Amino acid sequence: MDSWLIWLIVAAALAVAEILTLTAALGMLSVAALITAGVAAVGLPLWVQLVAYAALAAVTLLFVRPLALRHLRRPAGARFGVDALVGKPAQVLTAVSGTGGRVRIDGEEWTARSYDETLVISPGTTVDVIEISGATAIVYPRD
């Protein structure tokens, strides 16, 4: 069996193992084996293939993997504007129903509607902002 085919099989096996484990390390080794298959296909001797694999594995594990992991673990972007209001508590100022009402969110007065069209929320109740639709807060009472 040709050595390039063996490297290709090794690359495929490492790729499958990466899919099952999601460590990013086996994926880097798979990429190194795939490139080494190309080196072997050119016809270079076994010792050159092994050196190429070792060098590629070291570079991908030491430099590429940390960059990939840092990218995957990046915190979600901060919400701002009306998106930042979703999930916040609000105080009901005037009765809120499916058709309207008023709430105070972070010191600002907002028009509001009840998430449940049949529900009427009395003044003084603390509610959660479920979503913002235009300039209207869709709210639901806290339990």
N, C-alpha and C. Protein backbone atom coordinates (compact mmCIF):
# COMPACT_ATOMS: atom_id res chain seq x y z
N MET A 1 0.84 -1.17 0.00
CA MET A 1 0.00 0.00 0.00
C MET A 1 0.89 1.24 0.00
N ASP A 2 0.51 2.22 -0.79
CA ASP A 2 1.29 3.46 -0.87
C ASP A 2 1.22 4.23 0.45
N SER A 3 2.32 4.92 0.75
CA SER A 3 2.38 5.65 2.02
C SER A 3 1.40 6.82 2.05
N TRP A 4 1.14 7.46 0.91
CA TRP A 4 0.20 8.57 0.89
C TRP A 4 -1.20 8.11 1.27
N LEU A 5 -1.56 6.88 0.87
CA LEU A 5 -2.86 6.33 1.20
C LEU A 5 -2.96 6.02 2.70
N ILE A 6 -1.86 5.55 3.28
CA ILE A 6 -1.83 5.30 4.73
C ILE A 6 -2.03 6.61 5.49
N TRP A 7 -1.33 7.68 5.06
CA TRP A 7 -1.49 8.98 5.70
C TRP A 7 -2.92 9.50 5.56
N LEU A 8 -3.52 9.23 4.41
CA LEU A 8 -4.90 9.66 4.18
C LEU A 8 -5.87 8.92 5.11
N ILE A 9 -5.62 7.64 5.31
CA ILE A 9 -6.45 6.86 6.23
C ILE A 9 -6.27 7.35 7.66
N VAL A 10 -5.03 7.65 8.04
CA VAL A 10 -4.75 8.19 9.38
C VAL A 10 -5.48 9.52 9.55
N ALA A 11 -5.44 10.38 8.54
CA ALA A 11 -6.11 11.68 8.61
C ALA A 11 -7.61 11.50 8.78
N ALA A 12 -8.19 10.57 8.04
CA ALA A 12 -9.63 10.33 8.15
C ALA A 12 -9.99 9.78 9.53
N ALA A 13 -9.19 8.86 10.05
CA ALA A 13 -9.46 8.30 11.38
C ALA A 13 -9.36 9.37 12.45
N LEU A 14 -8.37 10.24 12.35
CA LEU A 14 -8.24 11.33 13.32
C LEU A 14 -9.39 12.33 13.20
N ALA A 15 -9.85 12.56 11.99
CA ALA A 15 -10.99 13.48 11.80
C ALA A 15 -12.25 12.91 12.43
N VAL A 16 -12.48 11.62 12.27
CA VAL A 16 -13.64 10.97 12.89
C VAL A 16 -13.52 11.04 14.41
N ALA A 17 -12.33 10.77 14.92
CA ALA A 17 -12.12 10.84 16.37
C ALA A 17 -12.35 12.26 16.88
N GLU A 18 -11.96 13.26 16.11
CA GLU A 18 -12.19 14.65 16.49
C GLU A 18 -13.68 14.97 16.55
N ILE A 19 -14.42 14.48 15.59
CA ILE A 19 -15.87 14.70 15.58
C ILE A 19 -16.51 14.09 16.82
N LEU A 20 -16.02 12.95 17.25
CA LEU A 20 -16.58 12.27 18.42
C LEU A 20 -16.17 12.92 19.74
N THR A 21 -14.98 13.54 19.79
CA THR A 21 -14.48 14.08 21.06
C THR A 21 -14.55 15.60 21.16
N LEU A 22 -14.51 16.32 20.05
CA LEU A 22 -14.55 17.78 20.01
C LEU A 22 -13.48 18.44 20.88
N THR A 23 -12.25 17.95 20.77
CA THR A 23 -11.15 18.52 21.54
C THR A 23 -10.33 19.53 20.75
N ALA A 24 -10.42 19.54 19.48
CA ALA A 24 -9.66 20.38 18.54
C ALA A 24 -8.23 19.89 18.37
N ALA A 25 -7.73 19.05 19.27
CA ALA A 25 -6.36 18.53 19.13
C ALA A 25 -6.30 17.47 18.04
N LEU A 26 -7.25 16.56 18.05
CA LEU A 26 -7.22 15.51 17.03
C LEU A 26 -7.48 16.07 15.64
N GLY A 27 -8.25 17.14 15.57
CA GLY A 27 -8.48 17.80 14.29
C GLY A 27 -7.20 18.39 13.73
N MET A 28 -6.38 18.96 14.60
CA MET A 28 -5.10 19.52 14.16
C MET A 28 -4.17 18.41 13.68
N LEU A 29 -4.17 17.29 14.39
CA LEU A 29 -3.34 16.15 13.97
C LEU A 29 -3.85 15.58 12.65
N SER A 30 -5.16 15.63 12.44
CA SER A 30 -5.74 15.16 11.19
C SER A 30 -5.29 16.05 10.02
N VAL A 31 -5.27 17.34 10.24
CA VAL A 31 -4.81 18.27 9.20
C VAL A 31 -3.34 18.01 8.88
N ALA A 32 -2.54 17.78 9.92
CA ALA A 32 -1.12 17.49 9.71
C ALA A 32 -0.95 16.20 8.90
N ALA A 33 -1.75 15.18 9.20
CA ALA A 33 -1.66 13.91 8.46
C ALA A 33 -2.11 14.10 7.01
N LEU A 34 -3.12 14.94 6.80
CA LEU A 34 -3.59 15.18 5.44
C LEU A 34 -2.52 15.88 4.60
N ILE A 35 -1.86 16.87 5.17
CA ILE A 35 -0.78 17.55 4.44
C ILE A 35 0.39 16.60 4.21
N THR A 36 0.65 15.74 5.20
CA THR A 36 1.73 14.76 5.05
C THR A 36 1.40 13.76 3.94
N ALA A 37 0.12 13.47 3.74
CA ALA A 37 -0.28 12.60 2.62
C ALA A 37 0.13 13.23 1.30
N GLY A 38 0.02 14.55 1.22
CA GLY A 38 0.47 15.25 0.02
C GLY A 38 1.97 15.17 -0.15
N VAL A 39 2.70 15.27 0.98
CA VAL A 39 4.16 15.14 0.93
C VAL A 39 4.54 13.74 0.46
N ALA A 40 3.82 12.72 0.94
CA ALA A 40 4.10 11.34 0.54
C ALA A 40 3.73 11.11 -0.92
N ALA A 41 2.67 11.78 -1.40
CA ALA A 41 2.25 11.60 -2.79
C ALA A 41 3.29 12.14 -3.76
N VAL A 42 4.06 13.13 -3.31
CA VAL A 42 5.13 13.67 -4.15
C VAL A 42 6.25 12.65 -4.32
N GLY A 43 6.36 11.71 -3.36
CA GLY A 43 7.37 10.66 -3.46
C GLY A 43 8.56 10.86 -2.55
N LEU A 44 8.45 11.74 -1.57
CA LEU A 44 9.55 11.96 -0.64
C LEU A 44 9.70 10.75 0.29
N PRO A 45 10.91 10.50 0.79
CA PRO A 45 11.14 9.31 1.63
C PRO A 45 10.39 9.39 2.97
N LEU A 46 10.31 8.25 3.64
CA LEU A 46 9.56 8.11 4.87
C LEU A 46 10.07 9.07 5.97
N TRP A 47 11.39 9.21 6.06
CA TRP A 47 11.91 10.08 7.13
C TRP A 47 11.48 11.53 6.93
N VAL A 48 11.37 11.98 5.68
CA VAL A 48 10.90 13.34 5.39
C VAL A 48 9.41 13.47 5.74
N GLN A 49 8.66 12.40 5.46
CA GLN A 49 7.24 12.40 5.81
C GLN A 49 7.05 12.51 7.32
N LEU A 50 7.86 11.76 8.07
CA LEU A 50 7.75 11.79 9.53
C LEU A 50 8.14 13.15 10.10
N VAL A 51 9.20 13.73 9.54
CA VAL A 51 9.63 15.06 9.99
C VAL A 51 8.55 16.10 9.65
N ALA A 52 7.98 15.98 8.45
CA ALA A 52 6.92 16.91 8.04
C ALA A 52 5.71 16.77 8.95
N TYR A 53 5.33 15.54 9.28
CA TYR A 53 4.19 15.32 10.16
C TYR A 53 4.46 15.90 11.55
N ALA A 54 5.64 15.63 12.08
CA ALA A 54 5.98 16.14 13.41
C ALA A 54 5.97 17.66 13.44
N ALA A 55 6.54 18.28 12.43
CA ALA A 55 6.58 19.74 12.38
C ALA A 55 5.18 20.32 12.22
N LEU A 56 4.39 19.76 11.33
CA LEU A 56 3.04 20.26 11.13
C LEU A 56 2.18 20.05 12.37
N ALA A 57 2.32 18.90 13.01
CA ALA A 57 1.55 18.63 14.23
C ALA A 57 1.93 19.62 15.33
N ALA A 58 3.22 19.88 15.47
CA ALA A 58 3.67 20.82 16.49
C ALA A 58 3.14 22.23 16.21
N VAL A 59 3.24 22.67 14.98
CA VAL A 59 2.77 24.02 14.63
C VAL A 59 1.27 24.14 14.85
N THR A 60 0.50 23.16 14.39
CA THR A 60 -0.95 23.27 14.54
C THR A 60 -1.37 23.18 16.01
N LEU A 61 -0.72 22.31 16.78
CA LEU A 61 -1.10 22.17 18.18
C LEU A 61 -0.66 23.37 19.02
N LEU A 62 0.50 23.93 18.71
CA LEU A 62 1.02 25.02 19.52
C LEU A 62 0.50 26.40 19.12
N PHE A 63 0.15 26.58 17.85
CA PHE A 63 -0.24 27.91 17.39
C PHE A 63 -1.68 28.00 16.90
N VAL A 64 -2.12 27.06 16.09
CA VAL A 64 -3.45 27.15 15.50
C VAL A 64 -4.53 26.78 16.51
N ARG A 65 -4.32 25.70 17.28
CA ARG A 65 -5.34 25.25 18.24
C ARG A 65 -5.67 26.31 19.28
N PRO A 66 -4.68 26.97 19.91
CA PRO A 66 -5.04 28.01 20.88
C PRO A 66 -5.86 29.15 20.26
N LEU A 67 -5.54 29.51 19.02
CA LEU A 67 -6.32 30.56 18.35
C LEU A 67 -7.75 30.11 18.11
N ALA A 68 -7.92 28.86 17.69
CA ALA A 68 -9.26 28.33 17.44
C ALA A 68 -10.06 28.25 18.74
N LEU A 69 -9.44 27.78 19.81
CA LEU A 69 -10.14 27.69 21.09
C LEU A 69 -10.50 29.07 21.63
N ARG A 70 -9.62 30.04 21.47
CA ARG A 70 -9.91 31.39 21.92
C ARG A 70 -11.09 31.96 21.15
N HIS A 71 -11.16 31.65 19.87
CA HIS A 71 -12.27 32.12 19.05
C HIS A 71 -13.58 31.47 19.49
N LEU A 72 -13.55 30.19 19.81
CA LEU A 72 -14.76 29.48 20.22
C LEU A 72 -15.23 29.90 21.60
N ARG A 73 -14.33 30.25 22.49
CA ARG A 73 -14.68 30.60 23.86
C ARG A 73 -14.90 32.09 24.07
N ARG A 74 -14.92 32.85 23.01
CA ARG A 74 -15.12 34.29 23.11
C ARG A 74 -16.50 34.54 23.71
N PRO A 75 -16.59 35.42 24.70
CA PRO A 75 -17.90 35.70 25.29
C PRO A 75 -18.84 36.36 24.29
N ALA A 76 -20.11 36.13 24.51
CA ALA A 76 -21.11 36.73 23.63
C ALA A 76 -21.02 38.26 23.72
N GLY A 77 -21.27 38.91 22.62
CA GLY A 77 -21.21 40.36 22.59
C GLY A 77 -22.20 40.98 23.56
N ALA A 78 -21.84 42.10 24.10
CA ALA A 78 -22.71 42.79 25.05
C ALA A 78 -23.96 43.30 24.33
N ARG A 79 -25.09 43.14 24.98
CA ARG A 79 -26.34 43.66 24.41
C ARG A 79 -26.46 45.13 24.77
N PHE A 80 -26.99 45.91 23.85
CA PHE A 80 -27.19 47.33 24.11
C PHE A 80 -28.47 47.77 23.44
N GLY A 81 -28.88 48.98 23.76
CA GLY A 81 -30.14 49.49 23.20
C GLY A 81 -31.31 48.73 23.79
N VAL A 82 -32.36 48.57 22.98
CA VAL A 82 -33.55 47.88 23.47
C VAL A 82 -33.30 46.40 23.73
N ASP A 83 -32.31 45.81 23.08
CA ASP A 83 -31.98 44.40 23.33
C ASP A 83 -31.54 44.18 24.77
N ALA A 84 -30.93 45.19 25.38
CA ALA A 84 -30.46 45.08 26.75
C ALA A 84 -31.62 45.07 27.75
N LEU A 85 -32.80 45.49 27.33
CA LEU A 85 -33.95 45.53 28.24
C LEU A 85 -34.62 44.17 28.39
N VAL A 86 -34.44 43.30 27.42
CA VAL A 86 -35.07 41.98 27.48
C VAL A 86 -34.50 41.21 28.66
N GLY A 87 -35.41 40.69 29.49
CA GLY A 87 -35.01 39.94 30.67
C GLY A 87 -34.96 40.78 31.94
N LYS A 88 -35.08 42.09 31.81
CA LYS A 88 -35.03 42.97 32.98
C LYS A 88 -36.39 43.02 33.68
N PRO A 89 -36.37 43.33 34.98
CA PRO A 89 -37.64 43.50 35.68
C PRO A 89 -38.22 44.89 35.39
N ALA A 90 -39.53 44.97 35.48
CA ALA A 90 -40.22 46.25 35.27
C ALA A 90 -41.33 46.35 36.30
N GLN A 91 -41.71 47.58 36.63
CA GLN A 91 -42.79 47.84 37.58
C GLN A 91 -44.00 48.33 36.80
N VAL A 92 -45.15 47.71 37.03
CA VAL A 92 -46.37 48.11 36.33
C VAL A 92 -46.89 49.42 36.92
N LEU A 93 -47.11 50.43 36.07
CA LEU A 93 -47.61 51.74 36.50
C LEU A 93 -49.12 51.83 36.33
N THR A 94 -49.60 51.42 35.16
CA THR A 94 -51.04 51.34 34.92
C THR A 94 -51.32 49.92 34.46
N ALA A 95 -52.55 49.46 34.69
CA ALA A 95 -52.90 48.07 34.38
C ALA A 95 -52.45 47.70 32.97
N VAL A 96 -51.79 46.55 32.87
CA VAL A 96 -51.29 46.07 31.59
C VAL A 96 -52.15 44.90 31.14
N SER A 97 -52.66 44.99 29.93
CA SER A 97 -53.46 43.90 29.36
C SER A 97 -52.89 43.56 27.99
N GLY A 98 -53.63 42.78 27.25
CA GLY A 98 -53.20 42.43 25.91
C GLY A 98 -53.26 43.58 24.94
N THR A 99 -53.94 44.66 25.34
CA THR A 99 -54.08 45.81 24.44
C THR A 99 -53.23 47.01 24.84
N GLY A 100 -52.75 47.06 26.10
CA GLY A 100 -51.91 48.20 26.47
C GLY A 100 -51.71 48.33 27.97
N GLY A 101 -50.95 49.35 28.34
CA GLY A 101 -50.62 49.64 29.72
C GLY A 101 -49.30 50.37 29.77
N ARG A 102 -48.83 50.67 31.00
CA ARG A 102 -47.56 51.39 31.16
C ARG A 102 -46.72 50.68 32.22
N VAL A 103 -45.39 50.61 31.97
CA VAL A 103 -44.44 50.03 32.93
C VAL A 103 -43.23 50.95 33.04
N ARG A 104 -42.48 50.78 34.13
CA ARG A 104 -41.23 51.51 34.32
C ARG A 104 -40.10 50.49 34.26
N ILE A 105 -39.19 50.70 33.28
CA ILE A 105 -38.02 49.83 33.11
C ILE A 105 -36.78 50.70 33.29
N ASP A 106 -35.96 50.37 34.27
CA ASP A 106 -34.74 51.14 34.52
C ASP A 106 -34.99 52.64 34.59
N GLY A 107 -36.07 53.04 35.26
CA GLY A 107 -36.36 54.45 35.44
C GLY A 107 -37.06 55.11 34.27
N GLU A 108 -37.33 54.41 33.19
CA GLU A 108 -38.00 54.98 32.02
C GLU A 108 -39.39 54.38 31.88
N GLU A 109 -40.35 55.20 31.48
CA GLU A 109 -41.71 54.73 31.25
C GLU A 109 -41.83 54.19 29.84
N TRP A 110 -42.46 53.01 29.75
CA TRP A 110 -42.67 52.36 28.45
C TRP A 110 -44.13 51.96 28.32
N THR A 111 -44.63 51.99 27.09
CA THR A 111 -45.93 51.36 26.87
C THR A 111 -45.70 49.86 26.93
N ALA A 112 -46.71 49.14 27.34
CA ALA A 112 -46.53 47.70 27.52
C ALA A 112 -47.78 46.94 27.13
N ARG A 113 -47.60 45.69 26.80
CA ARG A 113 -48.69 44.74 26.56
C ARG A 113 -48.35 43.46 27.29
N SER A 114 -49.37 42.77 27.71
CA SER A 114 -49.18 41.48 28.36
C SER A 114 -48.84 40.42 27.33
N TYR A 115 -47.92 39.52 27.68
CA TYR A 115 -47.54 38.42 26.79
C TYR A 115 -48.74 37.52 26.55
N ASP A 116 -49.52 37.32 27.61
CA ASP A 116 -50.75 36.53 27.52
C ASP A 116 -51.90 37.50 27.28
N GLU A 117 -52.52 37.43 26.12
CA GLU A 117 -53.56 38.39 25.73
C GLU A 117 -54.71 38.45 26.72
N THR A 118 -55.01 37.37 27.43
CA THR A 118 -56.15 37.33 28.34
C THR A 118 -55.79 37.82 29.74
N LEU A 119 -54.53 38.01 30.01
CA LEU A 119 -54.06 38.37 31.35
C LEU A 119 -54.07 39.88 31.55
N VAL A 120 -54.58 40.33 32.71
CA VAL A 120 -54.53 41.74 33.09
C VAL A 120 -53.65 41.82 34.33
N ILE A 121 -52.58 42.63 34.25
CA ILE A 121 -51.62 42.75 35.34
C ILE A 121 -51.88 44.08 36.05
N SER A 122 -52.09 44.01 37.35
CA SER A 122 -52.46 45.21 38.12
C SER A 122 -51.24 46.08 38.42
N PRO A 123 -51.48 47.38 38.68
CA PRO A 123 -50.39 48.31 39.00
C PRO A 123 -49.64 47.86 40.26
N GLY A 124 -48.34 48.11 40.28
CA GLY A 124 -47.50 47.74 41.40
C GLY A 124 -46.87 46.36 41.26
N THR A 125 -47.31 45.57 40.32
CA THR A 125 -46.77 44.22 40.10
C THR A 125 -45.42 44.31 39.39
N THR A 126 -44.51 43.43 39.81
CA THR A 126 -43.22 43.33 39.12
C THR A 126 -43.35 42.32 37.99
N VAL A 127 -42.93 42.72 36.83
CA VAL A 127 -43.01 41.87 35.64
C VAL A 127 -41.63 41.73 35.02
N ASP A 128 -41.47 40.76 34.14
CA ASP A 128 -40.25 40.59 33.36
C ASP A 128 -40.52 41.00 31.93
N VAL A 129 -39.55 41.68 31.34
CA VAL A 129 -39.67 42.07 29.93
C VAL A 129 -39.30 40.85 29.09
N ILE A 130 -40.24 40.38 28.30
CA ILE A 130 -40.04 39.21 27.45
C ILE A 130 -39.41 39.62 26.12
N GLU A 131 -39.92 40.72 25.55
CA GLU A 131 -39.37 41.23 24.29
C GLU A 131 -39.76 42.70 24.14
N ILE A 132 -39.13 43.35 23.19
CA ILE A 132 -39.47 44.73 22.85
C ILE A 132 -39.96 44.70 21.41
N SER A 133 -41.19 45.17 21.22
CA SER A 133 -41.77 45.22 19.88
C SER A 133 -42.01 46.68 19.53
N GLY A 134 -41.14 47.24 18.72
CA GLY A 134 -41.21 48.67 18.42
C GLY A 134 -40.88 49.47 19.67
N ALA A 135 -41.87 50.25 20.16
CA ALA A 135 -41.68 51.02 21.40
C ALA A 135 -42.54 50.45 22.52
N THR A 136 -42.93 49.19 22.39
CA THR A 136 -43.79 48.54 23.37
C THR A 136 -43.07 47.35 23.99
N ALA A 137 -43.10 47.31 25.31
CA ALA A 137 -42.51 46.18 26.03
C ALA A 137 -43.56 45.09 26.20
N ILE A 138 -43.19 43.89 25.83
CA ILE A 138 -44.08 42.74 26.04
C ILE A 138 -43.63 42.14 27.37
N VAL A 139 -44.56 42.06 28.34
CA VAL A 139 -44.18 41.68 29.70
C VAL A 139 -45.00 40.49 30.19
N TYR A 140 -44.47 39.85 31.24
CA TYR A 140 -45.15 38.72 31.88
C TYR A 140 -44.87 38.81 33.37
N PRO A 141 -45.88 38.59 34.22
CA PRO A 141 -45.67 38.75 35.66
C PRO A 141 -44.68 37.72 36.21
N ARG A 142 -43.94 38.15 37.20
CA ARG A 142 -43.02 37.24 37.90
C ARG A 142 -43.82 36.33 38.80
N ASP A 143 -43.33 35.12 39.00
CA ASP A 143 -44.01 34.19 39.90
C ASP A 143 -43.48 34.31 41.30
